[in-house]
Amino acid sequence: MSSTLVPSHALHRQRRKYIALAVAAITIFVHIAHSSLGESGMTSSPSLSSQILISPRPSLHAEEIIQRSYRQTFGALSTEILCSLDIDGKTCINSLLAEAMEISSLTSQSNNNTTSMSSTKSFPWWFITMLRDIKKKGSIHGAWHNLTILDPPMDFCAIEKIATTQWRNVQCFLNEGIEPKTRPRPCHLNKTSLDSRRSENVSRVVMLRDPLERLLSGYLNKCAHDGRRRVEGHCEPNTVFNDTDLTLQIRQDPRQLFAAYVDGFPLTWNIHFSPQSMYCDVLFRHVDNYEFVGHMGKDFFGYLQDLAAKLGQRNKLPEALEKVFHLSRELTLHENSNVGTETKAATHVNKYFTAASVRRALEYFAVDYVRLGLEVPSWAHDILAEESEIFMK
């Protein structure tokens, strides 16, 4: 069985995490003790019990949520064996699902045969549906997620909601000279072109994005507008989120409606919301072998500039990035922070996320934070901290 992997960027936070949890525990104990003595106006045990039942649980530290979720999902499976690099991505996912189902079956049998608490593993329901939908929906394994570029010799891992339309425009301009925005679909290469390139040293490139901001970006793009939601059908499960009667009472509150979506969308994992780790032949297995890994965040245009410098010698890559992303203009406009137009979801997080939806999303995408080494954004820490402060008052 595989061991839990803790990313290096989280290690230096462990001491701070345990101190914060200890302080929180002591504060809660003192609060309850004072309450039982009547200092908060409650003099009987029944009223104290009622207060405890209705009080929200203090927020766990973001890294603790992530590590716990990873241990309960990919960390509980033989991931390193079933998904070794000599095994293709489809087989990897199929094997993980088969093992998870077998363990779940043993857990069910154990629970039926004993009255004590079972020690066998079980998995969150949304993890089973994630593997199920990645397995049955072949589009996540589709060739169009690998954008093959002739010059420079490059394979770009295109992940939904990380500027895929723009990267397809880059591919079409470099391969066929097609101007941006005239053909937003991949420009497939013929067999002769592919054969001629296979002998070259091909660079693998991927852009990653914070999973929480990517989730909100997908929601705003695929769910927020009634017309687009109904036409495209990507706000799944459609039987829930296209039925306005089911969400009628909460549609005027963006946070509550988004929270309902976060709770419900794993019933049917849409390709626009699947973890980034699942793309491009199960990316987390070999991301360390990529020649260039960038991030679509506050330094997005800086990463584009670095990509042009690394792979753009004696070819048209810098010109393509200029045409598609208006790179020089954006660097001038945002020379201090490089905040790009492709990261607008980050400006809406406080309008849509609650502490509960942050926690849930961190659980869903724990594999991205652990295996791709992504950082939890500061605003997510702030939302969780605000909830803890409210609880302490």
Protein backbone atom coordinates (compact mmCIF):
# COMPACT_ATOMS: atom_id res chain seq x y z
CA MET A 1 0.00 0.00 0.00
CA SER A 2 1.26 3.48 -0.75
CA SER A 3 2.32 5.90 1.97
CA THR A 4 0.94 9.39 2.35
CA LEU A 5 2.98 11.99 0.54
CA VAL A 6 3.42 15.34 2.29
CA PRO A 7 4.55 18.13 -0.06
CA SER A 8 7.68 19.98 0.96
CA HIS A 9 5.96 23.36 0.97
CA ALA A 10 3.70 22.18 3.83
CA LEU A 11 6.39 20.83 6.16
CA HIS A 12 7.49 24.17 7.58
CA ARG A 13 3.88 24.91 8.56
CA GLN A 14 3.43 21.86 10.78
CA ARG A 15 4.68 23.50 13.96
CA ARG A 16 2.44 26.53 13.45
CA LYS A 17 -0.51 24.22 12.73
CA TYR A 18 -0.17 22.20 15.93
CA ILE A 19 0.28 25.32 18.03
CA ALA A 20 -2.87 26.83 16.53
CA LEU A 21 -4.85 23.63 17.12
CA ALA A 22 -3.63 23.42 20.71
CA VAL A 23 -4.63 27.02 21.39
CA ALA A 24 -8.04 26.38 19.83
CA ALA A 25 -8.57 23.27 21.97
CA ILE A 26 -7.63 25.10 25.18
CA THR A 27 -9.90 28.02 24.29
CA ILE A 28 -12.85 25.72 23.64
CA PHE A 29 -12.25 23.88 26.93
CA VAL A 30 -12.15 27.13 28.89
CA HIS A 31 -15.29 28.38 27.12
CA ILE A 32 -17.24 25.22 27.99
CA ALA A 33 -15.95 25.22 31.56
CA HIS A 34 -16.99 28.83 32.07
CA SER A 35 -20.38 28.11 30.53
CA SER A 36 -20.99 25.19 32.90
CA LEU A 37 -20.32 27.51 35.86
CA GLY A 38 -22.98 29.89 34.67
CA GLU A 39 -20.64 32.64 33.51
CA SER A 40 -22.38 32.77 30.14
CA GLY A 41 -25.85 32.84 31.66
CA MET A 42 -26.50 29.08 31.39
CA THR A 43 -26.93 27.29 34.70
CA SER A 44 -28.20 23.82 33.78
CA SER A 45 -26.71 20.91 31.87
CA PRO A 46 -29.54 20.69 29.30
CA SER A 47 -28.99 24.26 28.12
CA LEU A 48 -25.24 23.66 27.89
CA SER A 49 -25.84 20.54 25.82
CA SER A 50 -28.08 22.50 23.48
CA GLN A 51 -25.40 25.12 22.98
CA ILE A 52 -22.79 22.50 22.12
CA LEU A 53 -25.07 20.80 19.61
CA ILE A 54 -25.82 23.95 17.61
CA SER A 55 -22.33 25.45 17.70
CA PRO A 56 -20.23 25.05 14.51
CA ARG A 57 -17.06 23.01 14.67
CA PRO A 58 -13.90 25.16 14.75
CA SER A 59 -12.16 25.16 11.38
CA LEU A 60 -9.40 22.71 10.79
CA HIS A 61 -6.19 24.07 9.33
CA ALA A 62 -6.28 23.84 5.52
CA GLU A 63 -3.27 21.53 5.34
CA GLU A 64 -4.83 19.17 7.88
CA ILE A 65 -8.02 18.95 5.79
CA ILE A 66 -5.95 18.19 2.70
CA GLN A 67 -3.73 15.56 4.31
CA ARG A 68 -6.66 13.80 5.99
CA SER A 69 -8.60 13.67 2.73
CA TYR A 70 -5.60 12.37 0.79
CA ARG A 71 -5.01 9.63 3.38
CA GLN A 72 -8.66 8.56 3.03
CA THR A 73 -8.53 8.43 -0.79
CA PHE A 74 -5.45 7.99 -2.96
CA GLY A 75 -3.25 7.47 0.09
CA ALA A 76 -5.37 4.46 1.15
CA LEU A 77 -4.83 2.67 -2.17
CA SER A 78 -1.85 0.98 -3.83
CA THR A 79 -1.41 4.10 -5.93
CA GLU A 80 2.34 3.85 -6.50
CA ILE A 81 2.04 0.25 -7.70
CA LEU A 82 -1.20 0.51 -9.70
CA CYS A 83 -0.15 3.78 -11.32
CA SER A 84 3.54 3.25 -12.00
CA LEU A 85 4.85 4.95 -15.11
CA ASP A 86 4.93 1.74 -17.12
CA ILE A 87 1.12 1.56 -16.85
CA ASP A 88 -1.11 3.75 -19.02
CA GLY A 89 -3.45 6.28 -17.40
CA LYS A 90 -6.70 4.47 -18.21
CA THR A 91 -5.48 1.25 -16.65
CA CYS A 92 -4.26 3.21 -13.62
CA ILE A 93 -7.72 4.71 -12.99
CA ASN A 94 -9.51 1.41 -13.65
CA SER A 95 -7.23 -0.39 -11.19
CA LEU A 96 -7.70 2.26 -8.49
CA LEU A 97 -11.47 2.04 -8.83
CA ALA A 98 -11.41 -1.77 -8.72
CA GLU A 99 -9.29 -1.76 -5.55
CA ALA A 100 -11.48 0.89 -3.90
CA MET A 101 -14.62 -1.10 -4.68
CA GLU A 102 -13.05 -4.30 -3.34
CA ILE A 103 -12.04 -2.59 -0.09
CA SER A 104 -15.50 -1.02 0.22
CA SER A 105 -17.09 -4.45 -0.25
CA LEU A 106 -14.90 -5.95 2.48
CA THR A 107 -15.79 -3.04 4.76
CA SER A 108 -19.49 -3.63 4.18
CA GLN A 109 -19.16 -7.34 4.92
CA SER A 110 -17.17 -6.62 8.07
CA ASN A 111 -19.77 -4.14 9.30
CA ASN A 112 -22.51 -6.69 8.73
CA ASN A 113 -20.68 -9.39 10.67
CA THR A 114 -19.73 -7.46 13.78
CA THR A 115 -21.34 -5.11 16.24
CA SER A 116 -18.06 -3.31 16.95
CA MET A 117 -16.50 -0.51 14.98
CA SER A 118 -14.83 -1.86 11.83
CA SER A 119 -11.11 -1.28 11.37
CA THR A 120 -11.23 -1.75 7.60
CA LYS A 121 -11.00 1.22 5.28
CA SER A 122 -13.90 3.00 3.65
CA PHE A 123 -13.88 5.82 1.13
CA PRO A 124 -15.81 9.09 0.78
CA TRP A 125 -18.68 8.64 -1.67
CA TRP A 126 -17.42 11.45 -3.88
CA PHE A 127 -14.07 9.67 -4.36
CA ILE A 128 -15.81 6.58 -5.72
CA THR A 129 -17.89 8.69 -8.13
CA MET A 130 -14.75 10.58 -9.19
CA LEU A 131 -12.97 7.40 -10.24
CA ARG A 132 -16.17 6.05 -11.77
CA ASP A 133 -16.75 9.10 -13.95
CA ILE A 134 -13.12 9.48 -15.00
CA LYS A 135 -13.21 5.84 -16.04
CA LYS A 136 -16.45 5.98 -18.01
CA LYS A 137 -16.08 9.45 -19.51
CA GLY A 138 -13.27 8.90 -21.96
CA SER A 139 -12.97 12.59 -22.75
CA ILE A 140 -10.52 13.20 -19.89
CA HIS A 141 -8.20 10.77 -21.66
CA GLY A 142 -8.88 12.38 -25.04
CA ALA A 143 -6.01 13.21 -27.38
CA TRP A 144 -7.14 16.84 -27.51
CA HIS A 145 -5.74 17.37 -24.02
CA ASN A 146 -2.28 16.89 -25.50
CA LEU A 147 -1.60 19.82 -27.82
CA THR A 148 1.18 18.71 -30.14
CA ILE A 149 3.33 21.58 -31.46
CA LEU A 150 5.92 21.15 -34.21
CA ASP A 151 8.17 24.16 -33.64
CA PRO A 152 9.28 24.34 -30.94
CA PRO A 153 8.84 20.57 -30.45
CA MET A 154 6.41 20.68 -27.55
CA ASP A 155 3.57 18.68 -26.00
CA PHE A 156 1.28 20.95 -24.01
CA CYS A 157 -1.00 19.37 -21.40
CA ALA A 158 -4.27 21.31 -21.81
CA ILE A 159 -6.54 21.20 -18.74
CA GLU A 160 -10.07 22.60 -18.73
CA LYS A 161 -10.45 26.02 -17.10
CA ILE A 162 -6.74 26.80 -17.48
CA ALA A 163 -6.96 28.89 -20.66
CA THR A 164 -7.44 25.87 -22.95
CA THR A 165 -9.01 27.96 -25.72
CA GLN A 166 -6.03 30.31 -25.74
CA TRP A 167 -3.53 27.45 -25.78
CA ARG A 168 -5.35 25.88 -28.72
CA ASN A 169 -4.96 29.20 -30.50
CA VAL A 170 -1.23 29.11 -29.74
CA GLN A 171 -1.04 25.59 -31.20
CA CYS A 172 -2.95 26.52 -34.37
CA PHE A 173 -0.82 29.61 -34.97
CA LEU A 174 2.45 27.73 -34.53
CA ASN A 175 1.45 24.68 -36.58
CA GLU A 176 -0.68 26.22 -39.33
CA GLY A 177 -0.28 29.99 -39.10
CA ILE A 178 -3.98 30.40 -38.19
CA GLU A 179 -4.65 33.71 -36.50
CA PRO A 180 -6.01 33.58 -32.94
CA LYS A 181 -9.78 33.36 -32.32
CA THR A 182 -10.56 32.04 -35.77
CA ARG A 183 -10.33 28.36 -34.80
CA PRO A 184 -10.46 27.58 -31.06
CA ARG A 185 -10.21 23.81 -31.58
CA PRO A 186 -7.01 21.74 -31.67
CA CYS A 187 -5.17 21.66 -34.97
CA HIS A 188 -4.59 17.94 -35.39
CA LEU A 189 -1.39 16.93 -37.12
CA ASN A 190 -1.24 14.44 -39.96
CA LYS A 191 0.71 11.20 -39.58
CA THR A 192 3.67 12.46 -41.63
CA SER A 193 4.11 15.48 -39.37
CA LEU A 194 3.85 13.37 -36.23
CA ASP A 195 6.33 10.80 -37.52
CA SER A 196 8.84 13.51 -38.42
CA ARG A 197 8.64 14.98 -34.93
CA ARG A 198 9.00 11.76 -32.96
CA SER A 199 12.74 11.72 -33.48
CA GLU A 200 13.14 15.15 -31.91
CA ASN A 201 13.64 16.09 -28.27
CA VAL A 202 10.13 17.12 -27.27
CA SER A 203 9.52 19.42 -24.30
CA ARG A 204 6.50 18.75 -22.12
CA VAL A 205 4.72 21.81 -20.76
CA VAL A 206 1.75 22.27 -18.41
CA MET A 207 0.03 25.17 -16.69
CA LEU A 208 -1.59 24.50 -13.31
CA ARG A 209 -4.11 26.54 -11.35
CA ASP A 210 -5.26 26.76 -7.76
CA PRO A 211 -8.05 24.13 -7.52
CA LEU A 212 -10.43 26.37 -5.56
CA GLU A 213 -10.18 29.22 -8.05
CA ARG A 214 -10.44 26.78 -10.95
CA LEU A 215 -13.61 25.32 -9.39
CA LEU A 216 -15.18 28.77 -9.08
CA SER A 217 -14.08 29.68 -12.61
CA GLY A 218 -15.83 26.57 -13.93
CA TYR A 219 -18.95 27.35 -11.94
CA LEU A 220 -19.14 30.95 -13.17
CA ASN A 221 -18.57 29.82 -16.75
CA LYS A 222 -20.79 26.73 -16.86
CA CYS A 223 -23.45 27.24 -14.18
CA ALA A 224 -24.04 30.90 -13.35
CA HIS A 225 -25.88 31.85 -16.56
CA ASP A 226 -29.16 30.05 -17.22
CA GLY A 227 -28.90 30.04 -21.01
CA ARG A 228 -25.38 28.66 -21.20
CA ARG A 229 -26.08 26.14 -18.47
CA ARG A 230 -29.03 24.68 -20.34
CA VAL A 231 -27.38 24.70 -23.79
CA GLU A 232 -23.99 23.25 -22.85
CA GLY A 233 -25.11 20.86 -20.13
CA HIS A 234 -21.81 21.01 -18.23
CA CYS A 235 -23.34 22.08 -14.89
CA GLU A 236 -23.95 18.49 -13.82
CA PRO A 237 -25.93 16.74 -12.59
CA ASN A 238 -28.29 18.55 -14.95
CA THR A 239 -31.39 17.04 -13.36
CA VAL A 240 -30.53 18.99 -10.21
CA PHE A 241 -29.07 22.26 -11.39
CA ASN A 242 -31.27 22.81 -14.43
CA ASP A 243 -34.39 22.33 -12.33
CA THR A 244 -35.00 25.80 -10.94
CA ASP A 245 -37.65 24.49 -8.55
CA LEU A 246 -35.01 22.57 -6.58
CA THR A 247 -32.86 25.65 -6.04
CA LEU A 248 -35.54 28.34 -6.19
CA GLN A 249 -35.30 29.30 -2.53
CA ILE A 250 -31.54 29.89 -2.60
CA ARG A 251 -30.97 31.30 -6.10
CA GLN A 252 -30.84 34.88 -4.80
CA ASP A 253 -27.93 34.06 -2.49
CA PRO A 254 -24.73 33.39 -4.50
CA ARG A 255 -22.97 31.77 -1.55
CA GLN A 256 -25.78 29.36 -0.76
CA LEU A 257 -26.31 28.41 -4.39
CA PHE A 258 -22.58 27.83 -4.90
CA ALA A 259 -22.43 25.83 -1.66
CA ALA A 260 -25.24 23.62 -2.94
CA TYR A 261 -23.31 23.07 -6.15
CA VAL A 262 -20.08 22.23 -4.31
CA ASP A 263 -21.93 19.66 -2.21
CA GLY A 264 -23.73 18.11 -5.18
CA PHE A 265 -21.58 18.20 -8.30
CA PRO A 266 -19.59 15.03 -7.48
CA LEU A 267 -22.78 13.05 -8.09
CA THR A 268 -21.66 13.45 -11.72
CA TRP A 269 -18.09 14.68 -12.18
CA ASN A 270 -17.96 16.88 -15.25
CA ILE A 271 -14.69 17.10 -17.14
CA HIS A 272 -14.39 20.83 -16.39
CA PHE A 273 -14.24 20.08 -12.66
CA SER A 274 -12.13 16.91 -12.47
CA PRO A 275 -8.86 17.19 -10.51
CA GLN A 276 -5.92 18.42 -12.58
CA SER A 277 -3.95 15.37 -11.45
CA MET A 278 -6.22 13.14 -13.56
CA TYR A 279 -5.45 14.76 -16.92
CA CYS A 280 -2.72 13.92 -19.43
CA ASP A 281 -2.20 10.26 -18.60
CA VAL A 282 -2.70 10.89 -14.85
CA LEU A 283 -0.45 13.91 -14.49
CA PHE A 284 0.60 13.48 -10.87
CA ARG A 285 2.66 10.42 -11.83
CA HIS A 286 5.09 12.25 -14.08
CA VAL A 287 4.70 16.02 -13.55
CA ASP A 288 8.26 16.08 -12.17
CA ASN A 289 9.48 15.02 -15.62
CA TYR A 290 7.95 18.05 -17.36
CA GLU A 291 10.41 20.55 -18.76
CA PHE A 292 8.18 23.49 -17.81
CA VAL A 293 5.47 23.76 -15.15
CA GLY A 294 3.76 27.14 -14.88
CA HIS A 295 0.90 28.48 -12.80
CA MET A 296 -2.15 30.46 -13.84
CA GLY A 297 -2.30 32.88 -10.94
CA LYS A 298 -0.93 36.23 -9.94
CA ASP A 299 2.36 35.50 -11.73
CA PHE A 300 0.75 34.03 -14.87
CA PHE A 301 2.29 36.48 -17.34
CA GLY A 302 5.66 36.08 -15.70
CA TYR A 303 5.45 32.35 -16.37
CA LEU A 304 4.57 33.05 -20.01
CA GLN A 305 7.62 35.28 -20.26
CA ASP A 306 9.79 32.50 -18.78
CA LEU A 307 8.31 29.97 -21.23
CA ALA A 308 9.15 32.22 -24.18
CA ALA A 309 12.71 32.62 -22.92
CA LYS A 310 13.16 28.87 -22.35
CA LEU A 311 11.62 27.44 -25.51
CA GLY A 312 11.22 30.42 -27.83
CA GLN A 313 14.68 30.59 -29.39
CA ARG A 314 14.62 30.79 -33.21
CA ASN A 315 10.90 30.02 -33.50
CA LYS A 316 7.56 31.82 -33.34
CA LEU A 317 6.56 30.92 -29.79
CA PRO A 318 7.14 34.48 -28.46
CA GLU A 319 5.03 35.84 -31.33
CA ALA A 320 2.25 33.34 -30.59
CA LEU A 321 2.18 34.25 -26.91
CA GLU A 322 2.09 37.93 -27.86
CA LYS A 323 -0.81 37.45 -30.26
CA VAL A 324 -2.89 35.25 -27.97
CA PHE A 325 -2.14 36.63 -24.50
CA HIS A 326 -0.99 40.20 -25.38
CA LEU A 327 2.02 39.42 -23.23
CA SER A 328 4.06 42.64 -23.46
CA ARG A 329 0.99 44.78 -22.78
CA GLU A 330 -0.06 42.73 -19.77
CA LEU A 331 3.44 42.76 -18.32
CA THR A 332 3.47 46.54 -18.60
CA LEU A 333 0.03 46.92 -17.05
CA HIS A 334 0.80 44.52 -14.22
CA GLU A 335 4.55 44.87 -13.85
CA ASN A 336 4.32 44.71 -10.06
CA SER A 337 1.93 41.80 -9.63
CA ASN A 338 1.37 40.21 -13.06
CA VAL A 339 -2.34 39.73 -12.33
CA GLY A 340 -3.69 38.34 -15.61
CA THR A 341 -7.06 38.54 -17.24
CA GLU A 342 -7.29 34.74 -17.10
CA THR A 343 -7.50 34.71 -13.28
CA LYS A 344 -10.61 36.81 -12.68
CA ALA A 345 -12.23 34.09 -10.55
CA ALA A 346 -9.84 35.08 -7.78
CA THR A 347 -11.61 38.46 -7.49
CA HIS A 348 -14.96 36.78 -6.74
CA VAL A 349 -13.96 34.26 -4.07
CA ASN A 350 -15.41 36.15 -1.11
CA LYS A 351 -18.73 36.54 -2.90
CA TYR A 352 -19.15 32.79 -3.41
CA PHE A 353 -17.06 30.76 -0.96
CA THR A 354 -18.03 30.00 2.62
CA ALA A 355 -15.86 28.18 5.13
CA ALA A 356 -17.94 25.04 4.53
CA SER A 357 -17.46 25.13 0.75
CA VAL A 358 -13.73 25.84 1.17
CA ARG A 359 -13.39 22.77 3.39
CA ARG A 360 -15.36 20.58 0.99
CA ALA A 361 -13.38 21.71 -2.05
CA LEU A 362 -10.07 21.16 -0.25
CA GLU A 363 -11.19 17.58 0.37
CA TYR A 364 -12.15 17.00 -3.27
CA PHE A 365 -8.91 18.36 -4.68
CA ALA A 366 -6.49 17.16 -2.01
CA VAL A 367 -4.70 15.06 -4.63
CA ASP A 368 -3.81 18.23 -6.56
CA TYR A 369 -2.42 19.98 -3.50
CA VAL A 370 -0.45 16.93 -2.36
CA ARG A 371 0.81 15.42 -5.60
CA LEU A 372 1.19 18.59 -7.70
CA GLY A 373 2.61 20.62 -4.81
CA LEU A 374 0.07 23.45 -5.09
CA GLU A 375 -0.26 26.12 -2.39
CA VAL A 376 -3.55 26.90 -0.69
CA PRO A 377 -4.34 30.56 -1.46
CA SER A 378 -4.21 33.05 1.41
CA TRP A 379 -7.87 34.02 0.99
CA ALA A 380 -8.91 30.41 1.76
CA HIS A 381 -6.89 30.48 4.99
CA ASP A 382 -8.57 33.79 5.84
CA ILE A 383 -12.09 32.41 5.34
CA LEU A 384 -11.34 29.42 7.57
CA ALA A 385 -9.71 31.67 10.18
CA GLU A 386 -12.73 33.99 10.24
CA GLU A 387 -14.99 31.05 11.02
CA SER A 388 -12.72 30.00 13.89
CA GLU A 389 -12.76 33.53 15.29
CA ILE A 390 -16.57 33.59 15.20
CA PHE A 391 -16.70 30.27 17.03
CA MET A 392 -14.32 31.50 19.73
CA LYS A 393 -16.40 34.58 20.56
